[in-house]
Protein backbone atom coordinates (compact mmCIF):
# COMPACT_ATOMS: atom_id res chain seq x y z
CA UNK A 1 -3.82 15.09 -2.05
CA UNK A 2 -3.46 14.48 1.99
CA UNK A 3 -4.14 11.14 2.83
CA UNK A 4 -6.07 10.95 5.95
CA UNK A 5 -7.60 7.88 8.34
CA UNK A 6 -10.55 7.73 6.37
CA UNK A 7 -9.02 8.07 3.13
CA UNK A 8 -10.48 4.92 1.38
CA UNK A 9 -7.32 4.56 -1.48
CA UNK A 10 -6.95 1.83 -4.51
CA UNK A 11 -4.48 0.39 -7.18
CA UNK A 12 -4.33 2.20 -10.58
CA UNK A 13 -4.69 -0.38 -13.69
CA UNK A 14 -0.75 0.63 -14.42
CA UNK A 15 1.39 -2.13 -12.74
CA UNK A 16 1.84 -5.98 -11.87
CA UNK A 17 2.95 -7.30 -9.42
CA UNK A 18 4.45 -10.78 -8.13
CA UNK A 19 5.41 -12.12 -4.92
CA UNK A 20 9.25 -13.82 -4.79
CA UNK A 21 9.28 -15.34 -1.26
CA UNK A 22 8.86 -12.46 1.76
CA UNK A 23 9.23 -9.73 -1.05
CA UNK A 24 6.42 -8.73 -3.50
CA UNK A 25 7.85 -6.57 -6.95
CA UNK A 26 6.48 -4.21 -8.27
CA UNK A 27 6.50 -2.66 -11.95
CA UNK A 28 4.88 0.61 -13.19
CA UNK A 29 4.65 0.39 -16.76
CA UNK A 30 3.90 3.79 -17.55
CA UNK A 31 7.41 4.80 -15.93
CA UNK A 32 8.94 2.07 -16.57
CA UNK A 33 10.33 1.51 -12.86
CA UNK A 34 9.95 -1.23 -10.61
CA UNK A 35 10.09 -0.89 -6.65
CA UNK A 36 11.02 -4.40 -4.43
CA UNK A 37 8.30 -4.58 -1.17
CA UNK A 38 8.88 -5.91 1.61
CA UNK A 39 6.81 -8.25 4.01
CA UNK A 40 4.65 -5.87 5.49
CA UNK A 41 4.38 -3.94 2.12
CA UNK A 42 3.58 -6.45 0.17
CA UNK A 43 1.14 -7.30 2.81
CA UNK A 44 -0.10 -3.99 1.91
CA UNK A 45 -0.01 -4.59 -1.32
CA UNK A 46 -1.87 -7.53 -1.02
CA UNK A 47 -4.63 -6.00 1.24
CA UNK A 48 -5.11 -3.58 -2.16
CA UNK A 49 -5.07 -6.07 -4.76
CA UNK A 50 -7.90 -8.01 -2.47
CA UNK A 51 -10.48 -5.44 -1.43
CA UNK A 52 -10.07 -2.27 -4.07
CA UNK A 53 -11.44 0.17 -2.48
CA UNK A 54 -9.92 0.14 1.46
CA UNK A 55 -10.09 3.16 3.53
CA UNK A 56 -6.30 3.78 5.33
CA UNK A 57 -7.96 2.98 9.10
CA UNK A 58 -8.67 -0.32 7.43
CA UNK A 59 -5.96 -1.41 6.99
CA UNK A 60 -4.20 0.10 9.46
CA UNK A 61 -6.63 -1.88 11.68
CA UNK A 62 -5.34 -5.36 9.75
CA UNK A 63 -1.91 -4.58 9.50
CA UNK A 64 -1.88 -4.02 14.00
CA UNK A 65 -3.76 -7.76 14.04
CA UNK A 66 -1.11 -9.43 11.67
CA UNK A 67 2.21 -7.78 12.49
CA UNK A 68 3.53 -6.89 16.75
CA UNK A 69 4.17 -2.23 16.30
CA UNK A 70 2.76 0.24 18.45
CA UNK A 71 0.30 2.21 17.04
CA UNK A 72 1.61 4.95 16.69
CA UNK A 73 4.24 3.75 14.86
CA UNK A 74 1.86 1.76 12.59
CA UNK A 75 -0.10 4.69 11.42
CA UNK A 76 2.92 7.27 10.81
CA UNK A 77 4.42 4.19 8.37
CA UNK A 78 1.86 3.47 6.63
CA UNK A 79 1.61 6.97 5.94
CA UNK A 80 4.79 7.50 4.97
CA UNK A 81 4.02 4.36 2.34
CA UNK A 82 1.33 5.38 0.85
CA UNK A 83 2.41 9.15 -0.02
CA UNK A 84 4.97 7.16 -1.65
CA UNK A 85 2.82 5.34 -3.83
CA UNK A 86 1.48 8.00 -4.65
CA UNK A 87 3.71 10.27 -6.04
CA UNK A 88 5.35 6.68 -7.39
CA UNK A 89 1.93 6.45 -9.48
CA UNK A 90 0.99 3.24 -8.43
CA UNK A 91 -2.14 3.99 -5.95
CA UNK A 92 -5.10 7.01 -6.20
CA UNK A 93 -7.58 7.92 -3.86
CA UNK A 94 -11.06 6.36 -4.55
CA UNK A 95 -14.05 8.46 -5.27
């Protein structure tokens, strides 16, 4: 499925996370994989945890408020990051 700005996403229940300093560590129970997220990835993950169901556009707006990044770069990197999370079965498109 293609993720677009209006797409709403949510976390899948098969994982847990922990914050260690400026990094967020994720564990996918089903796959047995763990992932390290940098500060920006951790910020996005925290939004997904807090909001439960949030649009890609809302995430991008919050990133632009928090970080000094060009909107086009933000959108491109956000889409790439979210597609990676979806591929690893850590998020899904909400209905």
